Amino acid sequence: MSRREQQDRVRPAHDSAERRQRNVRRLLRLREQGGPFYGALDLGTNNCRLLIARPRQEGGFHVVDAFSRIVRLGEGVSRHGRLSDAACARTLEALRICANKLRFWNVRRMRLIATQACRRAANGEAFLNQVRKELGLQLEIIDAQTEAQLAVTGACPLIAPDARHVLVFDIGGGSTELLWVESDTGTRRVRDWISLPEGVVTLSERFGGDIISEQDYEAMRAHVRPVLRDFAKRLHAAGLPAMPCHLLGTSGTVTTITGVALGLQRYDRARVDGCWLEPEQARDISSALRGMSLAERRRQGCIGAERADLVVAGCAILEEILATWPAPRIRVADRGLREGILTQLMEEDGHGRPAQT
């Protein structure tokens, strides 16, 4: 092996170490600038996510640190009713990183929530007790309504100023929340909402996520269709318009599809959050992803190996939402529960409504 080849083999590890050192120095500088620092943790069926932020004097907050890892805590819960030992071990590893970050920033005001997987699993509370004993993190299991309200609070800044009626949807790992939000003279309120006990993990486990035929895909859509149509009928009976001004989508499915639509080689939150997606684009990309093999989906930069067997189930839910409410456009939000938590905590402490950065 030549000297150049040896250098090329060493350089990636060296570059990675330099990046880590630069990041540590950046975090230390931010910590020295002072807080108070706030923390928000969302432990879902598929992901473990943490945000740490500080309020800004002019209103809003600035995110100083973040963490996200796919842990698949809810893997198998729809079949067995319990969190598996392997899923708990993966999640504990991720939560240990979160605990270290919260200590590093000396976070005193925080809210740590667990959602559908822990709600549904018979041993959900037992697992959170284990987390308390081993890591000192006090996670709470929130109900579906609280989850939906937090998602809206986090995503509300992206509702178009002139939109009177907006349908917000959050396709998660174990559940899907839909909320009809009404705006009037600057005030926004949730007129009605539902939580569908199906998400990308549960639907993939039910119908498959590797090789998906047209029949399987239609079966996914048909499975969620009755609940969505019943909700649409309920909204109509309440005197609400049949069509929202626009849709507002949060969470992994819609952000992943948007990243593919933008042609990103790697997912970039700054490019995705807040942009508009045409429904026809979403349908075309859903069709393309469904037609790919699992290996081809893995090679997509905005999908990767961890989402390759889940993304098509999310497409099926999204397509059925679009069929039920064929609004002219979709606003895409890479924000939700964690931002909602930070918003609430800071408003309770007298800080202004956030314009997140």
Foldseek 3Di string as FASTA:
>chain_A
DDPVVVCVVVVVVVVVVVVVVVLVVQLVVVLVVDAQKEKEWEAEQFKTKIWIWHADPVFAIETSDMDMDTLNQLACCLPVQAGDPSSLVSVLVRVLVVLVVCVVSVHDHYAHEYEDSLVRHPCSVVSQVVCCVPRVDNYYYDYPVVQQVLQCLWQVVLDDPPWQWEWEWEADQQKIKIFIWGDDPRDIDTPDMDIGRHHLNRLCVVQNQFQADPVSLVVLLVVCQVVLLVVLVVCVVVVHDQAGQEYEYEDDQVQLLVCVVVVDQARDQVVRASDKDFPVSLVVSLVVLNPDGLVVQLNRRSAHNSRSRRNNSNSSNVVSNCVSHVHGIYTYHHIGNRSSRVQVSVVVVPGHGHPYD
